[in-house]
Amino acid sequence: MTRPTILVVDDHPAALEALAAPLRERYAVRTAGTVAAALAALAGVSCVVLDLLLDAPATALHRALHNTRTPVVVVSGLESTAAQQ
Protein backbone atom coordinates (compact mmCIF):
# COMPACT_ATOMS: atom_id res chain seq x y z
CA MET A 1 0.00 0.00 0.00
CA THR A 2 1.31 3.43 -0.93
CA ARG A 3 1.81 5.81 1.95
CA PRO A 4 0.60 9.43 1.63
CA THR A 5 3.39 11.90 0.90
CA ILE A 6 3.98 14.87 3.17
CA LEU A 7 6.20 17.78 2.20
CA VAL A 8 7.97 19.48 5.12
CA VAL A 9 9.25 22.99 4.39
CA ASP A 10 11.61 24.86 6.73
CA ASP A 11 14.71 26.92 6.01
CA HIS A 12 16.45 25.85 9.23
CA PRO A 13 18.00 22.38 8.73
CA ALA A 14 17.63 21.29 12.38
CA ALA A 15 13.96 22.30 12.48
CA LEU A 16 13.37 20.65 9.11
CA GLU A 17 14.73 17.35 10.38
CA ALA A 18 12.92 17.64 13.73
CA LEU A 19 9.62 18.04 11.89
CA ALA A 20 10.29 15.36 9.27
CA ALA A 21 11.74 12.59 11.45
CA PRO A 22 8.61 11.51 13.35
CA LEU A 23 6.49 11.69 10.20
CA ARG A 24 8.71 9.16 8.41
CA GLU A 25 7.27 6.34 10.53
CA ARG A 26 3.87 6.63 8.83
CA TYR A 27 4.34 8.73 5.69
CA ALA A 28 6.56 9.16 2.69
CA VAL A 29 8.29 12.44 3.51
CA ARG A 30 9.88 14.98 1.20
CA THR A 31 11.77 17.94 2.59
CA ALA A 32 12.54 21.37 1.22
CA GLY A 33 14.79 24.01 2.73
CA THR A 34 13.84 26.84 0.38
CA VAL A 35 10.73 28.23 -1.25
CA ALA A 36 12.10 27.22 -4.67
CA ALA A 37 12.73 23.65 -3.52
CA ALA A 38 9.23 23.47 -2.05
CA LEU A 39 7.68 24.56 -5.33
CA ALA A 40 9.71 21.92 -7.17
CA ALA A 41 8.66 19.18 -4.71
CA LEU A 42 4.97 20.03 -4.46
CA ALA A 43 3.56 17.72 -7.12
CA GLY A 44 1.70 14.75 -5.71
CA VAL A 45 1.90 15.58 -2.02
CA SER A 46 -1.05 14.91 0.28
CA CYS A 47 -0.20 17.60 2.82
CA VAL A 48 2.43 20.26 3.54
CA VAL A 49 3.96 21.13 6.91
CA LEU A 50 5.07 24.72 6.33
CA ASP A 51 7.23 27.03 8.42
CA LEU A 52 5.62 30.44 8.85
CA LEU A 53 8.80 32.34 7.94
CA LEU A 54 11.02 31.13 5.09
CA ASP A 55 14.17 32.14 3.24
CA ALA A 56 12.32 34.22 0.64
CA PRO A 57 8.85 35.61 0.00
CA ALA A 58 6.53 32.63 -0.31
CA THR A 59 3.71 34.19 -2.32
CA ALA A 60 4.16 31.78 -5.24
CA LEU A 61 4.20 28.81 -2.87
CA HIS A 62 1.09 30.01 -1.04
CA ARG A 63 -0.66 30.53 -4.38
CA ALA A 64 0.29 27.03 -5.57
CA LEU A 65 -0.96 25.48 -2.33
CA HIS A 66 -4.23 27.39 -2.62
CA ASN A 67 -4.72 26.50 -6.28
CA THR A 68 -4.11 22.79 -5.66
CA ARG A 69 -6.17 22.84 -2.45
CA THR A 70 -3.34 21.10 -0.66
CA PRO A 71 -3.90 20.86 3.10
CA VAL A 72 -1.30 22.84 5.05
CA VAL A 73 -0.15 22.75 8.66
CA VAL A 74 1.67 25.99 9.51
CA VAL A 75 4.37 25.83 12.19
CA SER A 76 6.67 28.41 13.69
CA GLY A 77 9.49 28.63 16.17
CA LEU A 78 8.43 32.17 17.02
CA GLU A 79 6.86 32.93 20.36
CA SER A 80 3.10 33.26 19.93
CA THR A 81 3.07 37.04 20.41
CA ALA A 82 5.76 37.54 17.75
CA ALA A 83 3.89 35.33 15.25
CA GLN A 84 0.74 37.44 15.61
CA GLN A 85 2.45 40.68 14.55
PDB file of N, CA and C in Angstrom:
ATOM      1  N   MET A   1       0.835  -1.178   0.000  1.00  0.00           N
ATOM      2  CA  MET A   1       0.000   0.000   0.000  1.00  0.00           C
ATOM      3  C   MET A   1       0.884   1.248   0.000  1.00  0.00           C
ATOM      4  N   THR A   2       0.548   2.197  -0.816  1.00  0.00           N
ATOM      5  CA  THR A   2       1.310   3.426  -0.926  1.00  0.00           C
ATOM      6  C   THR A   2       0.971   4.367   0.222  1.00  0.00           C
ATOM      7  N   ARG A   3       2.012   4.875   0.854  1.00  0.00           N
ATOM      8  CA  ARG A   3       1.806   5.813   1.955  1.00  0.00           C
ATOM      9  C   ARG A   3       1.596   7.214   1.397  1.00  0.00           C
ATOM     10  N   PRO A   4       0.750   8.040   2.044  1.00  0.00           N
ATOM     11  CA  PRO A   4       0.597   9.431   1.632  1.00  0.00           C
ATOM     12  C   PRO A   4       1.942  10.150   1.750  1.00  0.00           C
ATOM     13  N   THR A   5       2.147  11.129   0.889  1.00  0.00           N
ATOM     14  CA  THR A   5       3.390  11.896   0.896  1.00  0.00           C
ATOM     15  C   THR A   5       3.157  13.252   1.546  1.00  0.00           C
ATOM     16  N   ILE A   6       4.019  13.576   2.489  1.00  0.00           N
ATOM     17  CA  ILE A   6       3.982  14.869   3.167  1.00  0.00           C
ATOM     18  C   ILE A   6       5.242  15.633   2.811  1.00  0.00           C
ATOM     19  N   LEU A   7       5.072  16.895   2.468  1.00  0.00           N
ATOM     20  CA  LEU A   7       6.201  17.783   2.204  1.00  0.00           C
ATOM     21  C   LEU A   7       6.408  18.663   3.427  1.00  0.00           C
ATOM     22  N   VAL A   8       7.614  18.642   3.973  1.00  0.00           N
ATOM     23  CA  VAL A   8       7.971  19.479   5.121  1.00  0.00           C
ATOM     24  C   VAL A   8       8.888  20.584   4.610  1.00  0.00           C
ATOM     25  N   VAL A   9       8.513  21.837   4.893  1.00  0.00           N
ATOM     26  CA  VAL A   9       9.254  22.991   4.392  1.00  0.00           C
ATOM     27  C   VAL A   9       9.714  23.850   5.559  1.00  0.00           C
ATOM     28  N   ASP A  10      11.024  23.991   5.696  1.00  0.00           N
ATOM     29  CA  ASP A  10      11.608  24.856   6.734  1.00  0.00           C
ATOM     30  C   ASP A  10      13.015  25.220   6.296  1.00  0.00           C
ATOM     31  N   ASP A  11      13.384  26.471   6.452  1.00  0.00           N
ATOM     32  CA  ASP A  11      14.709  26.917   6.013  1.00  0.00           C
ATOM     33  C   ASP A  11      15.791  26.725   7.065  1.00  0.00           C
ATOM     34  N   HIS A  12      15.456  26.179   8.203  1.00  0.00           N
ATOM     35  CA  HIS A  12      16.447  25.853   9.226  1.00  0.00           C
ATOM     36  C   HIS A  12      16.622  24.334   9.241  1.00  0.00           C
ATOM     37  N   PRO A  13      17.796  23.831   8.867  1.00  0.00           N
ATOM     38  CA  PRO A  13      17.997  22.383   8.734  1.00  0.00           C
ATOM     39  C   PRO A  13      17.624  21.568   9.977  1.00  0.00           C
ATOM     40  N   ALA A  14      17.946  22.050  11.158  1.00  0.00           N
ATOM     41  CA  ALA A  14      17.628  21.294  12.376  1.00  0.00           C
ATOM     42  C   ALA A  14      16.116  21.207  12.586  1.00  0.00           C
ATOM     43  N   ALA A  15      15.422  22.297  12.346  1.00  0.00           N
ATOM     44  CA  ALA A  15      13.962  22.301  12.482  1.00  0.00           C
ATOM     45  C   ALA A  15      13.328  21.414  11.414  1.00  0.00           C
ATOM     46  N   LEU A  16      13.864  21.474  10.213  1.00  0.00           N
ATOM     47  CA  LEU A  16      13.366  20.652   9.110  1.00  0.00           C
ATOM     48  C   LEU A  16      13.431  19.176   9.489  1.00  0.00           C
ATOM     49  N   GLU A  17      14.560  18.745  10.000  1.00  0.00           N
ATOM     50  CA  GLU A  17      14.725  17.346  10.376  1.00  0.00           C
ATOM     51  C   GLU A  17      13.863  16.992  11.589  1.00  0.00           C
ATOM     52  N   ALA A  18      13.749  17.910  12.546  1.00  0.00           N
ATOM     53  CA  ALA A  18      12.917  17.645  13.729  1.00  0.00           C
ATOM     54  C   ALA A  18      11.450  17.460  13.347  1.00  0.00           C
ATOM     55  N   LEU A  19      10.993  18.188  12.360  1.00  0.00           N
ATOM     56  CA  LEU A  19       9.620  18.044  11.891  1.00  0.00           C
ATOM     57  C   LEU A  19       9.433  16.777  11.055  1.00  0.00           C
ATOM     58  N   ALA A  20      10.413  16.480  10.206  1.00  0.00           N
ATOM     59  CA  ALA A  20      10.288  15.361   9.267  1.00  0.00           C
ATOM     60  C   ALA A  20      10.472  13.998   9.927  1.00  0.00           C
ATOM     61  N   ALA A  21      11.374  13.894  10.874  1.00  0.00           N
ATOM     62  CA  ALA A  21      11.742  12.587  11.448  1.00  0.00           C
ATOM     63  C   ALA A  21      10.554  11.783  11.980  1.00  0.00           C
ATOM     64  N   PRO A  22       9.713  12.331  12.828  1.00  0.00           N
ATOM     65  CA  PRO A  22       8.615  11.511  13.345  1.00  0.00           C
ATOM     66  C   PRO A  22       7.575  11.151  12.289  1.00  0.00           C
ATOM     67  N   LEU A  23       7.463  11.960  11.260  1.00  0.00           N
ATOM     68  CA  LEU A  23       6.493  11.686  10.200  1.00  0.00           C
ATOM     69  C   LEU A  23       6.905  10.495   9.337  1.00  0.00           C
ATOM     70  N   ARG A  24       8.194  10.234   9.266  1.00  0.00           N
ATOM     71  CA  ARG A  24       8.707   9.158   8.407  1.00  0.00           C
ATOM     72  C   ARG A  24       8.212   7.772   8.827  1.00  0.00           C
ATOM     73  N   GLU A  25       7.783   7.634  10.064  1.00  0.00           N
ATOM     74  CA  GLU A  25       7.274   6.344  10.527  1.00  0.00           C
ATOM     75  C   GLU A  25       5.988   5.941   9.813  1.00  0.00           C
ATOM     76  N   ARG A  26       5.183   6.931   9.418  1.00  0.00           N
ATOM     77  CA  ARG A  26       3.872   6.632   8.832  1.00  0.00           C
ATOM     78  C   ARG A  26       3.672   7.154   7.423  1.00  0.00           C
ATOM     79  N   TYR A  27       4.542   8.066   6.973  1.00  0.00           N
ATOM     80  CA  TYR A  27       4.336   8.726   5.693  1.00  0.00           C
ATOM     81  C   TYR A  27       5.607   8.710   4.851  1.00  0.00           C
ATOM     82  N   ALA A  28       5.426   8.860   3.564  1.00  0.00           N
ATOM     83  CA  ALA A  28       6.557   9.164   2.692  1.00  0.00           C
ATOM     84  C   ALA A  28       6.800  10.656   2.871  1.00  0.00           C
ATOM     85  N   VAL A  29       8.005  11.040   3.184  1.00  0.00           N
ATOM     86  CA  VAL A  29       8.288  12.439   3.512  1.00  0.00           C
ATOM     87  C   VAL A  29       9.292  13.015   2.522  1.00  0.00           C
ATOM     88  N   ARG A  30       8.947  14.178   1.982  1.00  0.00           N
ATOM     89  CA  ARG A  30       9.877  14.984   1.195  1.00  0.00           C
ATOM     90  C   ARG A  30      10.200  16.206   2.040  1.00  0.00           C
ATOM     91  N   THR A  31      11.399  16.731   1.864  1.00  0.00           N
ATOM     92  CA  THR A  31      11.767  17.942   2.589  1.00  0.00           C
ATOM     93  C   THR A  31      12.255  18.998   1.609  1.00  0.00           C
ATOM     94  N   ALA A  32      12.069  20.244   2.015  1.00  0.00           N
ATOM     95  CA  ALA A  32      12.538  21.373   1.218  1.00  0.00           C
ATOM     96  C   ALA A  32      13.022  22.456   2.165  1.00  0.00           C
ATOM     97  N   GLY A  33      14.214  22.976   1.893  1.00  0.00           N
ATOM     98  CA  GLY A  33      14.792  24.005   2.734  1.00  0.00           C
ATOM     99  C   GLY A  33      14.657  25.409   2.178  1.00  0.00           C
ATOM    100  N   THR A  34      14.047  25.521   1.000  1.00  0.00           N
ATOM    101  CA  THR A  34      13.841  26.837   0.377  1.00  0.00           C
ATOM    102  C   THR A  34      12.470  26.875  -0.271  1.00  0.00           C
ATOM    103  N   VAL A  35      12.001  28.072  -0.550  1.00  0.00           N
ATOM    104  CA  VAL A  35      10.728  28.235  -1.253  1.00  0.00           C
ATOM    105  C   VAL A  35      10.822  27.584  -2.633  1.00  0.00           C
ATOM    106  N   ALA A  36      11.923  27.805  -3.337  1.00  0.00           N
ATOM    107  CA  ALA A  36      12.095  27.224  -4.675  1.00  0.00           C
ATOM    108  C   ALA A  36      12.061  25.698  -4.631  1.00  0.00           C
ATOM    109  N   ALA A  37      12.723  25.108  -3.656  1.00  0.00           N
ATOM    110  CA  ALA A  37      12.725  23.653  -3.523  1.00  0.00           C
ATOM    111  C   ALA A  37      11.329  23.136  -3.193  1.00  0.00           C
ATOM    112  N   ALA A  38      10.594  23.870  -2.388  1.00  0.00           N
ATOM    113  CA  ALA A  38       9.229  23.471  -2.051  1.00  0.00           C
ATOM    114  C   ALA A  38       8.343  23.475  -3.288  1.00  0.00           C
ATOM    115  N   LEU A  39       8.464  24.498  -4.098  1.00  0.00           N
ATOM    116  CA  LEU A  39       7.678  24.556  -5.331  1.00  0.00           C
ATOM    117  C   LEU A  39       8.012  23.381  -6.243  1.00  0.00           C
ATOM    118  N   ALA A  40       9.270  23.027  -6.309  1.00  0.00           N
ATOM    119  CA  ALA A  40       9.705  21.923  -7.165  1.00  0.00           C
ATOM    120  C   ALA A  40       9.225  20.571  -6.637  1.00  0.00           C
ATOM    121  N   ALA A  41       9.021  20.457  -5.330  1.00  0.00           N
ATOM    122  CA  ALA A  41       8.665  19.176  -4.713  1.00  0.00           C
ATOM    123  C   ALA A  41       7.172  19.022  -4.454  1.00  0.00           C
ATOM    124  N   LEU A  42       6.381  19.984  -4.838  1.00  0.00           N
ATOM    125  CA  LEU A  42       4.972  20.034  -4.459  1.00  0.00           C
ATOM    126  C   LEU A  42       4.087  19.002  -5.153  1.00  0.00           C
ATOM    127  N   ALA A  43       4.434  18.617  -6.354  1.00  0.00           N
ATOM    128  CA  ALA A  43       3.562  17.720  -7.124  1.00  0.00           C
ATOM    129  C   ALA A  43       3.322  16.404  -6.396  1.00  0.00           C
ATOM    130  N   GLY A  44       2.059  16.045  -6.262  1.00  0.00           N
ATOM    131  CA  GLY A  44       1.699  14.750  -5.714  1.00  0.00           C
ATOM    132  C   GLY A  44       1.704  14.621  -4.207  1.00  0.00           C
ATOM    133  N   VAL A  45       1.903  15.705  -3.478  1.00  0.00           N
ATOM    134  CA  VAL A  45       1.901  15.583  -2.019  1.00  0.00           C
ATOM    135  C   VAL A  45       0.470  15.621  -1.481  1.00  0.00           C
ATOM    136  N   SER A  46       0.266  14.955  -0.365  1.00  0.00           N
ATOM    137  CA  SER A  46      -1.051  14.915   0.278  1.00  0.00           C
ATOM    138  C   SER A  46      -1.248  16.066   1.251  1.00  0.00           C
ATOM    139  N   CYS A  47      -0.148  16.559   1.795  1.00  0.00           N
ATOM    140  CA  CYS A  47      -0.197  17.598   2.822  1.00  0.00           C
ATOM    141  C   CYS A  47       1.166  18.271   2.891  1.00  0.00           C
ATOM    142  N   VAL A  48       1.174  19.520   3.355  1.00  0.00           N
ATOM    143  CA  VAL A  48       2.426  20.255   3.542  1.00  0.00           C
ATOM    144  C   VAL A  48       2.500  20.756   4.978  1.00  0.00           C
ATOM    145  N   VAL A  49       3.649  20.536   5.608  1.00  0.00           N
ATOM    146  CA  VAL A  49       3.959  21.130   6.906  1.00  0.00           C
ATOM    147  C   VAL A  49       4.880  22.300   6.574  1.00  0.00           C
ATOM    148  N   LEU A  50       4.430  23.512   6.842  1.00  0.00           N
ATOM    149  CA  LEU A  50       5.065  24.719   6.330  1.00  0.00           C
ATOM    150  C   LEU A  50       5.468  25.669   7.451  1.00  0.00           C
ATOM    151  N   ASP A  51       6.746  26.020   7.475  1.00  0.00           N
ATOM    152  CA  ASP A  51       7.229  27.026   8.424  1.00  0.00           C
ATOM    153  C   ASP A  51       6.614  28.374   8.067  1.00  0.00           C
ATOM    154  N   LEU A  52       6.251  29.137   9.061  1.00  0.00           N
ATOM    155  CA  LEU A  52       5.623  30.438   8.852  1.00  0.00           C
ATOM    156  C   LEU A  52       6.554  31.420   8.145  1.00  0.00           C
ATOM    157  N   LEU A  53       7.827  31.425   8.537  1.00  0.00           N
ATOM    158  CA  LEU A  53       8.801  32.338   7.938  1.00  0.00           C
ATOM    159  C   LEU A  53       9.854  31.535   7.188  1.00  0.00           C
ATOM    160  N   LEU A  54      10.070  31.871   5.922  1.00  0.00           N
ATOM    161  CA  LEU A  54      11.016  31.132   5.090  1.00  0.00           C
ATOM    162  C   LEU A  54      12.127  32.024   4.579  1.00  0.00           C
ATOM    163  N   ASP A  55      12.984  31.464   3.751  1.00  0.00           N
ATOM    164  CA  ASP A  55      14.170  32.142   3.242  1.00  0.00           C
ATOM    165  C   ASP A  55      13.869  33.259   2.257  1.00  0.00           C
ATOM    166  N   ALA A  56      12.694  33.261   1.673  1.00  0.00           N
ATOM    167  CA  ALA A  56      12.323  34.223   0.638  1.00  0.00           C
ATOM    168  C   ALA A  56      10.814  34.422   0.696  1.00  0.00           C
ATOM    169  N   PRO A  57      10.311  35.461   0.058  1.00  0.00           N
ATOM    170  CA  PRO A  57       8.852  35.615   0.004  1.00  0.00           C
ATOM    171  C   PRO A  57       8.208  34.350  -0.579  1.00  0.00           C
ATOM    172  N   ALA A  58       7.147  33.906   0.056  1.00  0.00           N
ATOM    173  CA  ALA A  58       6.534  32.630  -0.307  1.00  0.00           C
ATOM    174  C   ALA A  58       5.204  32.790  -1.035  1.00  0.00           C
ATOM    175  N   THR A  59       4.977  33.936  -1.634  1.00  0.00           N
ATOM    176  CA  THR A  59       3.709  34.191  -2.316  1.00  0.00           C
ATOM    177  C   THR A  59       3.411  33.136  -3.372  1.00  0.00           C
ATOM    178  N   ALA A  60       4.380  32.787  -4.192  1.00  0.00           N
ATOM    179  CA  ALA A  60       4.158  31.782  -5.242  1.00  0.00           C
ATOM    180  C   ALA A  60       3.831  30.420  -4.631  1.00  0.00           C
ATOM    181  N   LEU A  61       4.480  30.069  -3.542  1.00  0.00           N
ATOM    182  CA  LEU A  61       4.198  28.806  -2.870  1.00  0.00           C
ATOM    183  C   LEU A  61       2.792  28.818  -2.277  1.00  0.00           C
ATOM    184  N   HIS A  62       2.437  29.899  -1.613  1.00  0.00           N
ATOM    185  CA  HIS A  62       1.093  30.014  -1.040  1.00  0.00           C
ATOM    186  C   HIS A  62       0.037  29.916  -2.132  1.00  0.00           C
ATOM    187  N   ARG A  63       0.281  30.570  -3.254  1.00  0.00           N
ATOM    188  CA  ARG A  63      -0.656  30.530  -4.377  1.00  0.00           C
ATOM    189  C   ARG A  63      -0.798  29.097  -4.914  1.00  0.00           C
ATOM    190  N   ALA A  64       0.322  28.409  -5.072  1.00  0.00           N
ATOM    191  CA  ALA A  64       0.287  27.026  -5.569  1.00  0.00           C
ATOM    192  C   ALA A  64      -0.473  26.116  -4.605  1.00  0.00           C
ATOM    193  N   LEU A  65      -0.250  26.287  -3.320  1.00  0.00           N
ATOM    194  CA  LEU A  65      -0.962  25.481  -2.328  1.00  0.00           C
ATOM    195  C   LEU A  65      -2.461  25.761  -2.373  1.00  0.00           C
ATOM    196  N   HIS A  66      -2.809  27.018  -2.515  1.00  0.00           N
ATOM    197  CA  HIS A  66      -4.226  27.394  -2.616  1.00  0.00           C
ATOM    198  C   HIS A  66      -4.857  26.816  -3.877  1.00  0.00           C
ATOM    199  N   ASN A  67      -4.176  26.963  -4.995  1.00  0.00           N
ATOM    200  CA  ASN A  67      -4.723  26.502  -6.276  1.00  0.00           C
ATOM    201  C   ASN A  67      -4.894  24.992  -6.332  1.00  0.00           C
ATOM    202  N   THR A  68      -4.016  24.258  -5.674  1.00  0.00           N
ATOM    203  CA  THR A  68      -4.113  22.792  -5.663  1.00  0.00           C
ATOM    204  C   THR A  68      -4.938  22.276  -4.490  1.00  0.00           C
ATOM    205  N   ARG A  69      -5.377  23.191  -3.639  1.00  0.00           N
ATOM    206  CA  ARG A  69      -6.165  22.836  -2.452  1.00  0.00           C
ATOM    207  C   ARG A  69      -5.454  21.819  -1.563  1.00  0.00           C
ATOM    208  N   THR A  70      -4.150  21.981  -1.489  1.00  0.00           N
ATOM    209  CA  THR A  70      -3.336  21.095  -0.662  1.00  0.00           C
ATOM    210  C   THR A  70      -3.495  21.481   0.802  1.00  0.00           C
ATOM    211  N   PRO A  71      -3.824  20.546   1.668  1.00  0.00           N
ATOM    212  CA  PRO A  71      -3.904  20.859   3.099  1.00  0.00           C
ATOM    213  C   PRO A  71      -2.526  21.291   3.625  1.00  0.00           C
ATOM    214  N   VAL A  72      -2.544  22.276   4.517  1.00  0.00           N
ATOM    215  CA  VAL A  72      -1.305  22.844   5.052  1.00  0.00           C
ATOM    216  C   VAL A  72      -1.398  22.927   6.567  1.00  0.00           C
ATOM    217  N   VAL A  73      -0.315  22.532   7.227  1.00  0.00           N
ATOM    218  CA  VAL A  73      -0.150  22.750   8.663  1.00  0.00           C
ATOM    219  C   VAL A  73       0.969  23.773   8.785  1.00  0.00           C
ATOM    220  N   VAL A  74       0.676  24.927   9.364  1.00  0.00           N
ATOM    221  CA  VAL A  74       1.667  25.989   9.513  1.00  0.00           C
ATOM    222  C   VAL A  74       2.295  25.877  10.899  1.00  0.00           C
ATOM    223  N   VAL A  75       3.633  25.909  10.925  1.00  0.00           N
ATOM    224  CA  VAL A  75       4.371  25.831  12.188  1.00  0.00           C
ATOM    225  C   VAL A  75       5.318  27.017  12.286  1.00  0.00           C
ATOM    226  N   SER A  76       5.730  27.324  13.498  1.00  0.00           N
ATOM    227  CA  SER A  76       6.674  28.414  13.691  1.00  0.00           C
ATOM    228  C   SER A  76       7.432  28.230  14.993  1.00  0.00           C
ATOM    229  N   GLY A  77       8.683  28.633  14.959  1.00  0.00           N
ATOM    230  CA  GLY A  77       9.493  28.633  16.168  1.00  0.00           C
ATOM    231  C   GLY A  77       9.386  29.942  16.909  1.00  0.00           C
ATOM    232  N   LEU A  78       8.611  30.878  16.365  1.00  0.00           N
ATOM    233  CA  LEU A  78       8.431  32.172  17.016  1.00  0.00           C
ATOM    234  C   LEU A  78       7.558  32.018  18.258  1.00  0.00           C
ATOM    235  N   GLU A  79       7.774  32.891  19.216  1.00  0.00           N
ATOM    236  CA  GLU A  79       6.856  32.927  20.358  1.00  0.00           C
ATOM    237  C   GLU A  79       5.522  33.400  19.833  1.00  0.00           C
ATOM    238  N   SER A  80       4.441  32.983  20.450  1.00  0.00           N
ATOM    239  CA  SER A  80       3.099  33.257  19.928  1.00  0.00           C
ATOM    240  C   SER A  80       2.827  34.741  19.728  1.00  0.00           C
ATOM    241  N   THR A  81       3.333  35.612  20.584  1.00  0.00           N
ATOM    242  CA  THR A  81       3.069  37.035  20.406  1.00  0.00           C
ATOM    243  C   THR A  81       3.815  37.593  19.188  1.00  0.00           C
ATOM    244  N   ALA A  82       5.003  37.094  18.907  1.00  0.00           N
ATOM    245  CA  ALA A  82       5.759  37.542  17.751  1.00  0.00           C
ATOM    246  C   ALA A  82       5.096  37.070  16.462  1.00  0.00           C
ATOM    247  N   ALA A  83       4.522  35.883  16.448  1.00  0.00           N
ATOM    248  CA  ALA A  83       3.887  35.332  15.254  1.00  0.00           C
ATOM    249  C   ALA A  83       2.614  36.097  14.899  1.00  0.00           C
ATOM    250  N   GLN A  84       1.988  36.738  15.859  1.00  0.00           N
ATOM    251  CA  GLN A  84       0.738  37.443  15.614  1.00  0.00           C
ATOM    252  C   GLN A  84       0.968  38.817  15.008  1.00  0.00           C
ATOM    253  N   GLN A  85       2.177  39.321  15.047  1.00  0.00           N
ATOM    254  CA  GLN A  85       2.454  40.677  14.550  1.00  0.00           C
ATOM    255  C   GLN A  85       2.588  40.722  13.066  1.00  0.00           C
TER     256      GLN A  85
END
